[in-house]
Amino acid sequence: MARILGLEIDRGVVRGALINVALRSTVLERYVEAPIRPAVAFPPPSPANPLGQVPAPMQPNVFPTLAAVDGLDDDDIIPDADEADDARERGSDGDEDVPPAVPLTPVALAVREVLQQCGRTPDGIHVHLDGRQVSLRPITLPAGAAKRLDDVLPGELEGVLPFDVSDAVIHHQAIGSAELTITLLAAAVRREHVAESLREFSLAGVEPRQLAAGAATLDGLVPLLTALQSPAPVLLIHLGHESIDVCIVEAGRTVHARTLSVGMDAIREGEAGAVEELAGSLRRSVASHRMKGGAPLERVLVGGESSTEAETRDWLSETLGHDVETVALPAGDGMVPEALLPAFMRVAALAGRAAVKGQRINLRQGEFVSRHAAGELRRYGKLLAFSAAAVLACFAISLYTRYTVLDTERGELRAELGAMTHRMFRQRTESPEQARTLIQGGASERDPMPRMGAYQVMGAIAELIPADAEHTTRRLTISFDDEARDGDLEIQGTVASVTQRDAIAAALEAHDCFTDVRPGATSSRNDILSYRIEAEIRCPGDQPDPEAEGSAGTNGRRGRGNQ
């Protein structure tokens, strides 16, 4: 759970909105406000008033008996200027240098008052940069550029920015995506403007976690207003003193954002052409949205100090050709009257950014990145390390458990496959390949002829002897039992070398029907090597049924052949 404060330093007042963001709920806790009081002019320091404090008013003598003491005159009670100088010189010889207290600025005092109204210190503060200093524009890129936007965006903005892109802070947020393209809202601002804004907030005692960009801040109202969560476009207007922010939100995302340089001060003061310029800018903003394929506006919501005036809403309705409503913000703790809530539109949006899903434009990038993130990592470093170790341990245990379960399930399935093949084909096998062969063959009865008889053995031996071997067969003994479907093999012959004998033995061992291949003793005479190899004949899957083994055991071996 996080408590985020949206903060705005306006003309003569500091406003804030405190939001409480939990895992499944977002609650606007309260609105806070403090006036910026003018600074008090203190008199300059003097020998009689070294701290420059306002002199206290004269008080009557509360010790009248002092005047009646003999031997005391005014010089004994009030030291002269020379003695005061000597006292200051003696005091300046001390070892401790006390730095002069730096008085807080009126804005800093107002900010401190706002933070005190929040109770517990907020977990983060969100502020914004004046939209007149920010360039906001939608950009469409190929979908493949999504993973390298930091490299692509500067090149896309280089030809359209009024300043050098190398001196700019650039960030973005998503608008939408298609099958082959993505659309982004890109923000670019001079680095000097970001540095100056952060310096001003620092002087006011604020270290913001996020620095939002102009009109793009208004989509932070999405988690607070259900009207902004519909797929139909909604126009948000914030009426400021010197500028007006316009933001079109569609399906919870900003599709168009613009800051108009005409503010309500120019309208009230009757500046020449201000009304016409504002009306034209508003119409052009809506027309730009429609020309890019946007749907017609469903609602128009307006906020700011002037939004509660009926004349302002009527003029906006006439200009836009659409009914204009005052934004209905959550009541918070109820301490702010409902009629004054629209003035908190921007700070509510700034606070609501903490509950918005997805990345939002934050100008604290590069050298301006918030130190809060690094500080939080250092603060919770050990906790993060233990959590990571626990996650890895849980993953290893889960992986081992899953492997064990799958291995057990594999054994059960193989046993079931063996029982099924024995019942269907009267031949037990736990091999999926052999079971597939049985199914494709379609035979339900066992082949009465063995797979490897005496003639098949002789043919296999003829194929297995290497063609380049100087081989002569002297004796070939095959003993085979047709019932048990196994037997013994003995080869006696001559070759040119032991290497050729080993090649023959290896070829026999590689055959799936010859097992337990045993090369025997060798003898050499006249460069001719005599050898003997023994092996067992047993083809996999060709053994008799277990029920038939008893009867087969009473029969002797048959099919003995010599060559």
Protein backbone atom coordinates (compact mmCIF):
# COMPACT_ATOMS: atom_id res chain seq x y z
CA MET A 1 0.00 0.00 0.00
CA ALA A 2 1.37 3.42 -1.00
CA ARG A 3 0.27 6.96 -0.18
CA ILE A 4 1.03 9.33 -3.06
CA LEU A 5 0.60 13.10 -2.96
CA GLY A 6 -0.17 15.02 -6.12
CA LEU A 7 1.21 18.54 -5.56
CA GLU A 8 0.71 21.78 -7.49
CA ILE A 9 2.14 25.21 -6.70
CA ASP A 10 -0.42 27.60 -8.12
CA ARG A 11 -0.73 31.35 -7.89
CA GLY A 12 -1.05 32.20 -4.21
CA VAL A 13 -1.83 28.66 -3.07
CA VAL A 14 -0.34 25.17 -2.81
CA ARG A 15 -2.79 22.34 -3.44
CA GLY A 16 -2.49 18.63 -2.96
CA ALA A 17 -4.47 15.42 -3.30
CA LEU A 18 -3.48 12.38 -1.24
CA ILE A 19 -4.33 9.01 -2.73
CA ASN A 20 -4.06 5.60 -1.11
CA VAL A 21 -3.16 2.88 -3.63
CA ALA A 22 -3.54 -0.74 -2.55
CA LEU A 23 -3.42 -3.99 -4.50
CA ARG A 24 -7.09 -4.01 -5.48
CA SER A 25 -8.38 -0.61 -4.42
CA THR A 26 -7.63 3.05 -4.98
CA VAL A 27 -8.99 5.59 -2.50
CA LEU A 28 -8.61 9.35 -2.67
CA GLU A 29 -7.95 9.99 1.00
CA ARG A 30 -8.11 13.79 1.26
CA TYR A 31 -7.49 17.14 -0.36
CA VAL A 32 -5.06 19.59 1.25
CA GLU A 33 -4.45 23.26 0.60
CA ALA A 34 -2.33 26.05 2.08
CA PRO A 35 -2.07 29.73 1.07
CA ILE A 36 1.27 31.24 0.09
CA ARG A 37 1.58 34.11 2.52
CA PRO A 38 3.77 37.10 1.60
CA ALA A 39 7.18 37.28 3.20
CA VAL A 40 7.64 39.57 6.23
CA ALA A 41 10.25 42.31 5.74
CA PHE A 42 12.73 42.15 8.65
CA PRO A 43 14.92 45.16 9.58
CA PRO A 44 18.62 44.87 8.70
CA PRO A 45 21.05 43.71 11.42
CA SER A 46 22.59 46.38 13.63
CA PRO A 47 24.78 46.48 16.76
CA ALA A 48 21.67 46.78 18.90
CA ASN A 49 19.82 44.12 16.86
CA PRO A 50 22.45 41.71 15.41
CA LEU A 51 19.89 39.07 14.28
CA GLY A 52 17.73 41.54 12.41
CA GLN A 53 14.68 40.71 14.53
CA VAL A 54 11.65 42.89 14.87
CA PRO A 55 12.07 44.91 18.11
CA ALA A 56 9.69 43.98 20.87
CA PRO A 57 7.28 46.71 22.02
CA MET A 58 8.27 48.79 25.02
CA GLN A 59 7.15 47.32 28.33
CA PRO A 60 6.67 49.19 31.63
CA ASN A 61 9.32 48.78 34.31
CA VAL A 62 8.31 45.68 36.21
CA PHE A 63 11.20 46.05 38.65
CA PRO A 64 10.75 49.60 40.09
CA THR A 65 13.07 48.90 42.98
CA LEU A 66 16.09 48.96 40.66
CA ALA A 67 15.79 52.72 40.25
CA ALA A 68 16.06 53.28 44.00
CA VAL A 69 19.33 51.43 44.46
CA ASP A 70 22.16 53.78 45.33
CA GLY A 71 25.32 53.67 43.27
CA LEU A 72 23.65 52.40 40.09
CA ASP A 73 23.35 54.64 37.07
CA ASP A 74 22.31 54.04 33.49
CA ASP A 75 25.85 53.18 32.37
CA ASP A 76 25.96 50.27 34.82
CA ILE A 77 22.73 48.82 33.44
CA ILE A 78 23.05 49.55 29.68
CA PRO A 79 26.55 49.08 28.18
CA ASP A 80 27.78 51.61 25.67
CA ALA A 81 28.57 50.86 22.04
CA ASP A 82 32.30 50.27 22.65
CA GLU A 83 31.61 47.64 25.29
CA ALA A 84 29.13 45.94 22.98
CA ASP A 85 31.75 45.81 20.22
CA ASP A 86 34.28 44.30 22.64
CA ALA A 87 31.76 41.67 23.67
CA ARG A 88 31.10 40.74 20.04
CA GLU A 89 34.85 40.48 19.36
CA ARG A 90 35.29 38.21 22.39
CA GLY A 91 32.40 36.09 21.18
CA SER A 92 33.89 35.82 17.70
CA ASP A 93 37.06 34.25 19.15
CA GLY A 94 35.14 31.10 20.10
CA ASP A 95 35.90 27.77 18.51
CA GLU A 96 32.33 27.07 17.32
CA ASP A 97 31.02 28.72 14.18
CA VAL A 98 27.22 28.75 14.19
CA PRO A 99 25.91 29.14 10.65
CA PRO A 100 23.15 31.65 10.22
CA ALA A 101 19.69 30.19 9.94
CA VAL A 102 18.30 30.30 6.39
CA PRO A 103 14.67 31.38 6.53
CA LEU A 104 12.14 29.31 4.60
CA THR A 105 10.56 30.89 1.55
CA PRO A 106 6.80 31.54 1.55
CA VAL A 107 6.32 28.67 -0.91
CA ALA A 108 8.36 26.31 1.29
CA LEU A 109 6.27 27.30 4.30
CA ALA A 110 3.08 26.57 2.37
CA VAL A 111 4.44 23.20 1.20
CA ARG A 112 5.39 22.31 4.76
CA GLU A 113 1.88 23.18 5.90
CA VAL A 114 0.40 20.95 3.18
CA LEU A 115 2.63 18.04 4.24
CA GLN A 116 1.57 18.54 7.85
CA GLN A 117 -2.06 18.28 6.79
CA CYS A 118 -1.30 14.90 5.21
CA GLY A 119 -0.46 13.43 8.62
CA ARG A 120 2.02 10.67 7.93
CA THR A 121 4.65 11.60 5.35
CA PRO A 122 3.58 10.48 1.84
CA ASP A 123 5.53 7.69 0.18
CA GLY A 124 5.99 9.79 -2.94
CA ILE A 125 5.15 13.17 -4.46
CA HIS A 126 4.08 13.74 -8.07
CA VAL A 127 4.38 17.16 -9.70
CA HIS A 128 4.15 18.46 -13.26
CA LEU A 129 6.05 20.67 -15.68
CA ASP A 130 4.28 23.54 -17.42
CA GLY A 131 2.94 22.20 -20.71
CA ARG A 132 4.09 25.30 -22.60
CA GLN A 133 7.66 24.02 -22.21
CA VAL A 134 6.88 20.46 -23.38
CA SER A 135 6.41 19.10 -26.89
CA LEU A 136 3.73 16.38 -26.97
CA ARG A 137 3.01 14.53 -30.21
CA PRO A 138 1.71 11.08 -31.24
CA ILE A 139 4.11 8.89 -33.24
CA THR A 140 3.38 5.67 -35.15
CA LEU A 141 6.24 3.16 -35.46
CA PRO A 142 6.69 -0.41 -36.70
CA ALA A 143 5.91 -3.01 -34.06
CA GLY A 144 9.49 -4.27 -34.22
CA ALA A 145 10.74 -0.97 -32.77
CA ALA A 146 9.00 -1.57 -29.44
CA LYS A 147 12.13 -3.08 -27.83
CA ARG A 148 14.47 -0.24 -28.82
CA LEU A 149 12.37 2.88 -28.45
CA ASP A 150 15.14 4.71 -26.59
CA ASP A 151 17.22 4.55 -29.76
CA VAL A 152 14.41 5.12 -32.26
CA LEU A 153 12.52 8.06 -30.73
CA PRO A 154 15.37 10.63 -30.88
CA GLY A 155 15.71 10.01 -34.61
CA GLU A 156 11.96 10.32 -35.15
CA LEU A 157 11.78 13.61 -33.23
CA GLU A 158 14.95 15.18 -34.59
CA GLY A 159 13.28 16.84 -37.56
CA VAL A 160 10.17 18.13 -35.77
CA LEU A 161 11.51 19.63 -32.52
CA PRO A 162 12.33 23.35 -32.37
CA PHE A 163 15.52 22.55 -30.44
CA ASP A 164 18.41 20.11 -30.66
CA VAL A 165 17.31 16.60 -29.75
CA SER A 166 20.64 15.98 -27.98
CA ASP A 167 19.65 18.65 -25.42
CA ALA A 168 16.22 17.11 -24.80
CA VAL A 169 14.74 14.80 -22.21
CA ILE A 170 12.49 12.32 -24.05
CA HIS A 171 9.94 9.90 -22.66
CA HIS A 172 6.78 8.23 -23.93
CA GLN A 173 3.62 6.34 -23.10
CA ALA A 174 1.54 3.95 -25.19
CA ILE A 175 -1.59 4.98 -27.09
CA GLY A 176 -2.44 1.75 -28.90
CA SER A 177 -1.12 -1.02 -31.11
CA ALA A 178 -2.09 -2.81 -34.31
CA GLU A 179 -0.80 -5.99 -35.91
CA LEU A 180 2.23 -4.32 -37.48
CA THR A 181 2.44 -0.89 -35.80
CA ILE A 182 2.46 0.78 -32.39
CA THR A 183 1.34 4.33 -31.57
CA LEU A 184 3.01 6.34 -28.80
CA LEU A 185 2.59 9.74 -27.19
CA ALA A 186 6.12 11.15 -27.06
CA ALA A 187 7.19 14.04 -24.83
CA ALA A 188 10.33 16.11 -25.35
CA VAL A 189 11.58 19.06 -23.27
CA ARG A 190 14.83 20.96 -22.93
CA ARG A 191 17.08 19.68 -20.17
CA GLU A 192 17.44 23.18 -18.76
CA HIS A 193 13.68 23.40 -18.19
CA VAL A 194 13.67 20.12 -16.27
CA ALA A 195 16.68 21.19 -14.19
CA GLU A 196 15.10 24.57 -13.40
CA SER A 197 11.79 22.99 -12.41
CA LEU A 198 13.47 20.47 -10.10
CA ARG A 199 15.56 23.26 -8.57
CA GLU A 200 12.44 25.29 -7.80
CA PHE A 201 10.76 22.31 -6.20
CA SER A 202 13.93 21.62 -4.21
CA LEU A 203 13.89 25.18 -2.85
CA ALA A 204 10.31 24.55 -1.82
CA GLY A 205 11.39 21.44 0.08
CA VAL A 206 10.01 18.92 -2.43
CA GLU A 207 11.85 15.94 -3.93
CA PRO A 208 9.30 14.64 -6.49
CA ARG A 209 9.27 11.03 -7.54
CA GLN A 210 7.61 11.85 -10.88
CA LEU A 211 7.64 14.95 -13.07
CA ALA A 212 4.64 14.74 -15.39
CA ALA A 213 4.33 16.63 -18.68
CA GLY A 214 1.69 19.31 -19.14
CA ALA A 215 -1.68 18.15 -20.44
CA ALA A 216 -0.61 14.49 -20.38
CA THR A 217 -1.06 14.54 -16.59
CA LEU A 218 -4.85 14.60 -16.88
CA ASP A 219 -5.15 10.90 -17.78
CA GLY A 220 -4.29 10.21 -14.15
CA LEU A 221 -8.01 10.73 -13.51
CA VAL A 222 -8.80 7.40 -15.21
CA PRO A 223 -8.77 5.28 -12.01
CA LEU A 224 -10.85 7.94 -10.22
CA LEU A 225 -13.60 8.56 -12.82
CA THR A 226 -15.56 5.69 -14.36
CA ALA A 227 -16.52 7.94 -17.29
CA LEU A 228 -12.90 7.79 -18.52
CA GLN A 229 -12.78 3.99 -18.56
CA SER A 230 -15.24 3.62 -21.45
CA PRO A 231 -13.98 3.12 -25.04
CA ALA A 232 -15.67 6.36 -26.17
CA PRO A 233 -13.44 9.48 -26.23
CA VAL A 234 -13.80 12.05 -23.44
CA LEU A 235 -12.36 15.58 -23.61
CA LEU A 236 -10.74 16.89 -20.41
CA ILE A 237 -10.09 20.63 -20.06
CA HIS A 238 -8.16 22.22 -17.19
CA LEU A 239 -8.58 26.00 -16.95
CA GLY A 240 -5.40 27.60 -15.64
CA HIS A 241 -4.45 31.21 -15.03
CA GLU A 242 -1.89 31.48 -17.83
CA SER A 243 -2.57 28.35 -19.91
CA ILE A 244 -5.26 25.76 -20.58
CA ASP A 245 -4.59 22.02 -20.87
CA VAL A 246 -6.61 19.88 -23.28
CA CYS A 247 -6.53 16.08 -23.14
CA ILE A 248 -8.64 13.51 -25.03
CA VAL A 249 -8.84 10.14 -23.28
CA GLU A 250 -10.08 7.05 -25.10
CA ALA A 251 -10.33 3.64 -23.42
CA GLY A 252 -8.27 4.94 -20.51
CA ARG A 253 -5.37 6.21 -22.67
CA THR A 254 -4.41 9.66 -23.85
CA VAL A 255 -4.79 9.93 -27.62
CA HIS A 256 -4.35 13.71 -27.88
CA ALA A 257 -2.82 16.22 -25.45
CA ARG A 258 -2.09 19.90 -25.93
CA THR A 259 -1.39 22.98 -23.82
CA LEU A 260 -2.94 26.25 -25.04
CA SER A 261 -0.98 29.41 -24.29
CA VAL A 262 -4.15 31.43 -23.62
CA GLY A 263 -5.22 31.36 -19.98
CA MET A 264 -8.22 32.57 -18.04
CA ASP A 265 -6.37 35.71 -16.93
CA ALA A 266 -6.21 36.91 -20.54
CA ILE A 267 -9.93 36.20 -20.96
CA ARG A 268 -10.92 38.08 -17.80
CA GLU A 269 -8.68 41.04 -18.57
CA GLY A 270 -10.20 41.31 -22.03
CA GLU A 271 -6.99 41.05 -24.03
CA ALA A 272 -7.53 41.65 -27.71
CA GLY A 273 -8.10 38.44 -29.64
CA ALA A 274 -7.80 36.19 -26.58
CA VAL A 275 -11.33 34.81 -26.81
CA GLU A 276 -11.05 34.15 -30.55
CA GLU A 277 -7.63 32.50 -30.14
CA LEU A 278 -8.89 30.23 -27.38
CA ALA A 279 -12.00 29.24 -29.32
CA GLY A 280 -9.96 28.49 -32.44
CA SER A 281 -7.41 26.42 -30.50
CA LEU A 282 -10.13 24.33 -28.88
CA ARG A 283 -11.86 23.68 -32.20
CA ARG A 284 -8.58 22.77 -33.89
CA SER A 285 -7.74 20.30 -31.11
CA VAL A 286 -11.05 18.47 -31.57
CA ALA A 287 -10.74 18.61 -35.37
CA SER A 288 -7.22 17.16 -35.22
CA HIS A 289 -8.53 14.23 -33.20
CA ARG A 290 -11.33 13.62 -35.71
CA MET A 291 -9.01 13.89 -38.75
CA LYS A 292 -6.80 11.13 -37.33
CA GLY A 293 -9.75 8.75 -37.28
CA GLY A 294 -10.96 9.47 -33.76
CA ALA A 295 -14.59 8.89 -32.81
CA PRO A 296 -16.91 11.80 -31.89
CA LEU A 297 -16.62 13.07 -28.33
CA GLU A 298 -18.96 11.45 -25.86
CA ARG A 299 -18.45 13.88 -22.96
CA VAL A 300 -16.56 17.07 -22.16
CA LEU A 301 -15.36 17.53 -18.57
CA VAL A 302 -13.84 20.79 -17.35
CA GLY A 303 -11.94 21.58 -14.14
CA GLY A 304 -9.93 24.38 -12.59
CA GLU A 305 -10.85 27.41 -10.52
CA SER A 306 -13.08 28.92 -13.24
CA SER A 307 -14.89 25.69 -14.12
CA THR A 308 -17.69 26.27 -11.62
CA GLU A 309 -18.78 29.48 -13.35
CA ALA A 310 -21.90 28.90 -15.43
CA GLU A 311 -20.86 31.54 -17.98
CA THR A 312 -17.59 29.71 -18.65
CA ARG A 313 -19.31 26.36 -19.18
CA ASP A 314 -21.92 27.92 -21.47
CA TRP A 315 -19.23 29.56 -23.59
CA LEU A 316 -17.29 26.30 -23.86
CA SER A 317 -20.48 24.42 -24.82
CA GLU A 318 -21.21 26.94 -27.57
CA THR A 319 -17.61 26.86 -28.83
CA LEU A 320 -17.31 23.06 -28.93
CA GLY A 321 -20.91 22.32 -29.91
CA HIS A 322 -21.16 19.86 -27.04
CA ASP A 323 -22.53 19.93 -23.50
CA VAL A 324 -19.77 20.72 -21.01
CA GLU A 325 -19.86 19.31 -17.47
CA THR A 326 -17.85 20.20 -14.40
CA VAL A 327 -15.62 17.31 -13.42
CA ALA A 328 -17.03 15.34 -10.47
CA LEU A 329 -14.04 14.36 -8.35
CA PRO A 330 -14.24 11.98 -5.37
CA ALA A 331 -15.16 13.79 -2.16
CA GLY A 332 -12.16 12.56 -0.18
CA ASP A 333 -12.63 13.14 3.53
CA GLY A 334 -15.41 15.67 2.88
CA MET A 335 -13.51 18.64 4.33
CA VAL A 336 -13.47 20.50 0.99
CA PRO A 337 -16.88 21.79 -0.21
CA GLU A 338 -18.15 20.13 -3.36
CA ALA A 339 -18.23 23.45 -5.21
CA LEU A 340 -14.45 23.84 -4.72
CA LEU A 341 -13.45 20.31 -5.75
CA PRO A 342 -12.94 21.09 -9.49
CA ALA A 343 -10.00 23.33 -8.53
CA PHE A 344 -8.19 20.15 -7.42
CA MET A 345 -8.51 18.50 -10.84
CA ARG A 346 -4.80 18.57 -11.68
CA VAL A 347 -3.51 17.40 -8.28
CA ALA A 348 -6.05 14.56 -8.28
CA ALA A 349 -4.75 13.52 -11.71
CA LEU A 350 -1.14 13.71 -10.51
CA ALA A 351 -1.91 11.49 -7.53
CA GLY A 352 -3.99 9.10 -9.64
CA ARG A 353 -1.00 8.35 -11.87
CA ALA A 354 0.17 5.96 -9.14
CA ALA A 355 -2.84 3.72 -9.85
CA VAL A 356 -2.73 3.88 -13.66
CA LYS A 357 -1.62 0.69 -15.38
CA GLY A 358 1.26 0.88 -17.81
CA GLN A 359 4.05 3.39 -18.26
CA ARG A 360 3.22 7.09 -18.12
CA ILE A 361 5.37 10.03 -19.21
CA ASN A 362 7.87 10.91 -16.48
CA LEU A 363 10.47 13.57 -17.31
CA ARG A 364 12.80 12.43 -14.52
CA GLN A 365 15.03 10.50 -16.90
CA GLY A 366 18.79 10.19 -17.32
CA GLU A 367 20.68 12.47 -14.97
CA PHE A 368 17.36 13.69 -13.52
CA VAL A 369 16.18 10.25 -12.40
CA SER A 370 14.69 10.22 -8.93
CA ARG A 371 17.03 9.17 -6.14
CA HIS A 372 14.05 7.65 -4.39
CA ALA A 373 14.27 4.44 -6.42
CA ALA A 374 17.94 3.88 -5.63
CA GLY A 375 17.35 4.71 -1.98
CA GLU A 376 14.50 2.24 -1.75
CA LEU A 377 16.64 -0.48 -3.32
CA ARG A 378 19.41 0.12 -0.81
CA ARG A 379 16.93 0.23 2.02
CA TYR A 380 15.28 -3.05 1.11
CA GLY A 381 18.36 -4.71 -0.39
CA LYS A 382 18.55 -7.55 2.14
CA LEU A 383 14.82 -8.15 1.94
CA LEU A 384 14.99 -8.31 -1.85
CA ALA A 385 17.92 -10.74 -1.67
CA PHE A 386 16.11 -13.06 0.76
CA SER A 387 12.94 -12.82 -1.33
CA ALA A 388 14.85 -13.70 -4.50
CA ALA A 389 16.45 -16.68 -2.76
CA ALA A 390 13.05 -17.84 -1.52
CA VAL A 391 11.59 -17.53 -5.01
CA LEU A 392 14.45 -19.56 -6.50
CA ALA A 393 14.08 -22.23 -3.81
CA CYS A 394 10.34 -22.45 -4.43
CA PHE A 395 10.99 -22.72 -8.16
CA ALA A 396 13.48 -25.56 -7.64
CA ILE A 397 11.11 -27.43 -5.32
CA SER A 398 8.24 -26.94 -7.76
CA LEU A 399 10.38 -28.17 -10.65
CA TYR A 400 11.47 -31.29 -8.72
CA THR A 401 7.92 -32.01 -7.59
CA ARG A 402 6.61 -31.66 -11.10
CA TYR A 403 9.35 -33.96 -12.44
CA THR A 404 8.54 -36.57 -9.79
CA VAL A 405 4.83 -36.43 -10.56
CA LEU A 406 5.46 -36.70 -14.28
CA ASP A 407 7.86 -39.62 -13.80
CA THR A 408 5.28 -41.46 -11.70
CA GLU A 409 2.59 -40.73 -14.25
CA ARG A 410 4.91 -41.95 -17.03
CA GLY A 411 5.42 -45.28 -15.23
CA GLU A 412 1.68 -45.72 -14.73
CA LEU A 413 0.97 -44.97 -18.38
CA ARG A 414 3.64 -47.42 -19.55
CA ALA A 415 2.19 -50.16 -17.33
CA GLU A 416 -1.27 -49.41 -18.68
CA LEU A 417 0.10 -49.52 -22.24
CA GLY A 418 1.67 -52.93 -21.57
CA ALA A 419 -1.59 -54.33 -20.21
CA MET A 420 -3.55 -52.89 -23.13
CA THR A 421 -1.21 -54.31 -25.82
CA HIS A 422 -1.22 -57.72 -24.14
CA ARG A 423 -5.03 -57.75 -24.05
CA MET A 424 -5.47 -56.51 -27.62
CA PHE A 425 -2.55 -58.18 -29.44
CA ARG A 426 -1.49 -60.87 -26.95
CA GLN A 427 1.92 -59.24 -26.93
CA ARG A 428 3.03 -57.04 -24.03
CA THR A 429 5.09 -53.93 -24.79
CA GLU A 430 5.60 -50.67 -22.91
CA SER A 431 7.25 -48.92 -25.83
CA PRO A 432 5.03 -46.36 -27.61
CA GLU A 433 6.85 -47.02 -30.90
CA GLN A 434 6.27 -50.77 -30.76
CA ALA A 435 2.65 -50.22 -29.74
CA ARG A 436 2.19 -47.92 -32.74
CA THR A 437 3.70 -50.63 -34.97
CA LEU A 438 1.24 -53.16 -33.61
CA ILE A 439 -1.68 -50.82 -34.21
CA GLN A 440 -0.63 -49.98 -37.76
CA GLY A 441 -0.04 -53.64 -38.55
CA GLY A 442 -3.56 -54.40 -37.42
CA ALA A 443 -2.68 -57.96 -36.32
CA SER A 444 -4.39 -59.23 -33.24
CA GLU A 445 -2.85 -62.70 -33.44
CA ARG A 446 0.75 -63.52 -32.92
CA ASP A 447 2.90 -64.43 -36.01
CA PRO A 448 3.58 -68.19 -35.75
CA MET A 449 6.97 -67.84 -37.42
CA PRO A 450 9.86 -66.36 -35.42
CA ARG A 451 11.30 -63.11 -36.59
CA MET A 452 14.87 -64.47 -36.77
CA GLY A 453 15.30 -68.09 -37.88
CA ALA A 454 18.45 -69.90 -39.06
CA TYR A 455 18.21 -68.61 -42.61
CA GLN A 456 17.60 -65.05 -41.39
CA VAL A 457 20.65 -65.34 -39.14
CA MET A 458 22.87 -66.42 -42.04
CA GLY A 459 21.56 -63.58 -44.21
CA ALA A 460 22.16 -61.05 -41.45
CA ILE A 461 25.74 -62.29 -40.92
CA ALA A 462 26.47 -62.03 -44.63
CA GLU A 463 25.31 -58.41 -44.61
CA LEU A 464 27.15 -57.50 -41.40
CA ILE A 465 30.62 -58.70 -42.47
CA PRO A 466 32.45 -55.65 -43.91
CA ALA A 467 32.98 -55.79 -47.67
CA ASP A 468 36.69 -54.95 -47.39
CA ALA A 469 37.38 -57.71 -44.87
CA GLU A 470 39.38 -60.75 -46.06
CA HIS A 471 37.01 -63.19 -44.38
CA THR A 472 36.61 -66.93 -44.62
CA THR A 473 33.94 -68.81 -42.66
CA ARG A 474 35.21 -72.16 -41.38
CA ARG A 475 32.34 -73.08 -39.10
CA LEU A 476 28.90 -71.51 -38.39
CA THR A 477 26.78 -73.03 -35.62
CA ILE A 478 23.19 -71.82 -35.08
CA SER A 479 21.14 -73.32 -32.25
CA PHE A 480 17.57 -71.91 -32.25
CA ASP A 481 14.40 -72.76 -30.29
CA ASP A 482 11.27 -72.00 -32.30
CA GLU A 483 9.03 -72.02 -29.22
CA ALA A 484 11.19 -69.83 -27.04
CA ARG A 485 12.23 -67.85 -30.12
CA ASP A 486 15.82 -67.47 -29.00
CA GLY A 487 19.06 -69.28 -29.61
CA ASP A 488 22.86 -69.26 -29.74
CA LEU A 489 25.31 -68.39 -32.47
CA GLU A 490 28.96 -69.37 -32.95
CA ILE A 491 31.14 -68.21 -35.83
CA GLN A 492 34.61 -69.56 -36.56
CA GLY A 493 36.57 -68.05 -39.39
CA THR A 494 39.70 -66.28 -40.54
CA VAL A 495 40.46 -62.61 -41.13
CA ALA A 496 43.52 -60.55 -41.90
CA SER A 497 43.76 -58.75 -38.56
CA VAL A 498 42.25 -58.31 -35.11
CA THR A 499 40.76 -55.02 -36.28
CA GLN A 500 38.61 -56.85 -38.82
CA ARG A 501 37.53 -59.38 -36.14
CA ASP A 502 36.51 -56.47 -33.86
CA ALA A 503 34.61 -54.81 -36.72
CA ILE A 504 32.58 -58.01 -37.23
CA ALA A 505 31.85 -58.24 -33.48
CA ALA A 506 30.77 -54.58 -33.38
CA ALA A 507 28.45 -55.07 -36.36
CA LEU A 508 26.82 -58.07 -34.65
CA GLU A 509 26.40 -56.13 -31.41
CA ALA A 510 24.77 -53.23 -33.26
CA HIS A 511 22.10 -55.55 -34.65
CA ASP A 512 18.99 -55.58 -32.44
CA CYS A 513 18.59 -59.40 -32.61
CA PHE A 514 22.14 -60.29 -31.47
CA THR A 515 22.96 -59.81 -27.79
CA ASP A 516 25.76 -60.75 -25.44
CA VAL A 517 28.36 -60.80 -28.24
CA ARG A 518 31.55 -62.48 -26.90
CA PRO A 519 34.74 -62.48 -29.04
CA GLY A 520 36.76 -65.61 -28.27
CA ALA A 521 40.43 -66.50 -28.47
CA THR A 522 42.44 -65.88 -31.65
CA SER A 523 45.42 -67.59 -33.24
CA SER A 524 47.69 -66.38 -36.03
CA ARG A 525 49.49 -68.40 -38.68
CA ASN A 526 51.07 -67.23 -41.93
CA ASP A 527 49.53 -63.74 -41.54
CA ILE A 528 46.08 -65.29 -41.19
CA LEU A 529 44.14 -64.73 -37.96
CA SER A 530 41.71 -67.41 -36.81
CA TYR A 531 38.92 -66.19 -34.56
CA ARG A 532 35.73 -67.30 -32.81
CA ILE A 533 32.69 -65.16 -31.87
CA GLU A 534 29.73 -66.31 -29.78
CA ALA A 535 26.40 -64.47 -29.37
CA GLU A 536 22.80 -64.97 -28.30
CA ILE A 537 19.90 -64.65 -30.72
CA ARG A 538 16.97 -62.78 -29.18
CA CYS A 539 14.82 -60.26 -31.06
CA PRO A 540 12.95 -57.67 -28.96
CA GLY A 541 9.18 -58.12 -28.97
CA ASP A 542 9.46 -61.66 -30.37
CA GLN A 543 9.32 -63.54 -27.04
CA PRO A 544 6.44 -65.93 -26.30
CA ASP A 545 3.51 -65.12 -24.02
CA PRO A 546 4.09 -65.69 -20.32
CA GLU A 547 1.27 -68.27 -20.34
CA ALA A 548 3.05 -70.27 -23.03
CA GLU A 549 6.41 -70.43 -21.31
CA GLY A 550 5.44 -73.43 -19.21
CA SER A 551 4.55 -75.56 -22.18
CA ALA A 552 7.50 -74.32 -24.19
CA GLY A 553 9.88 -75.35 -21.44
CA THR A 554 9.12 -79.05 -22.00
CA ASN A 555 10.25 -78.92 -25.62
CA GLY A 556 13.88 -79.17 -26.59
CA ARG A 557 15.75 -76.84 -28.87
CA ARG A 558 15.23 -77.31 -32.57
CA GLY A 559 16.75 -75.93 -35.74
CA ARG A 560 20.41 -76.68 -35.10
CA GLY A 561 22.45 -76.03 -38.21
CA ASN A 562 26.14 -76.36 -39.02
CA GLN A 563 28.05 -75.03 -41.92
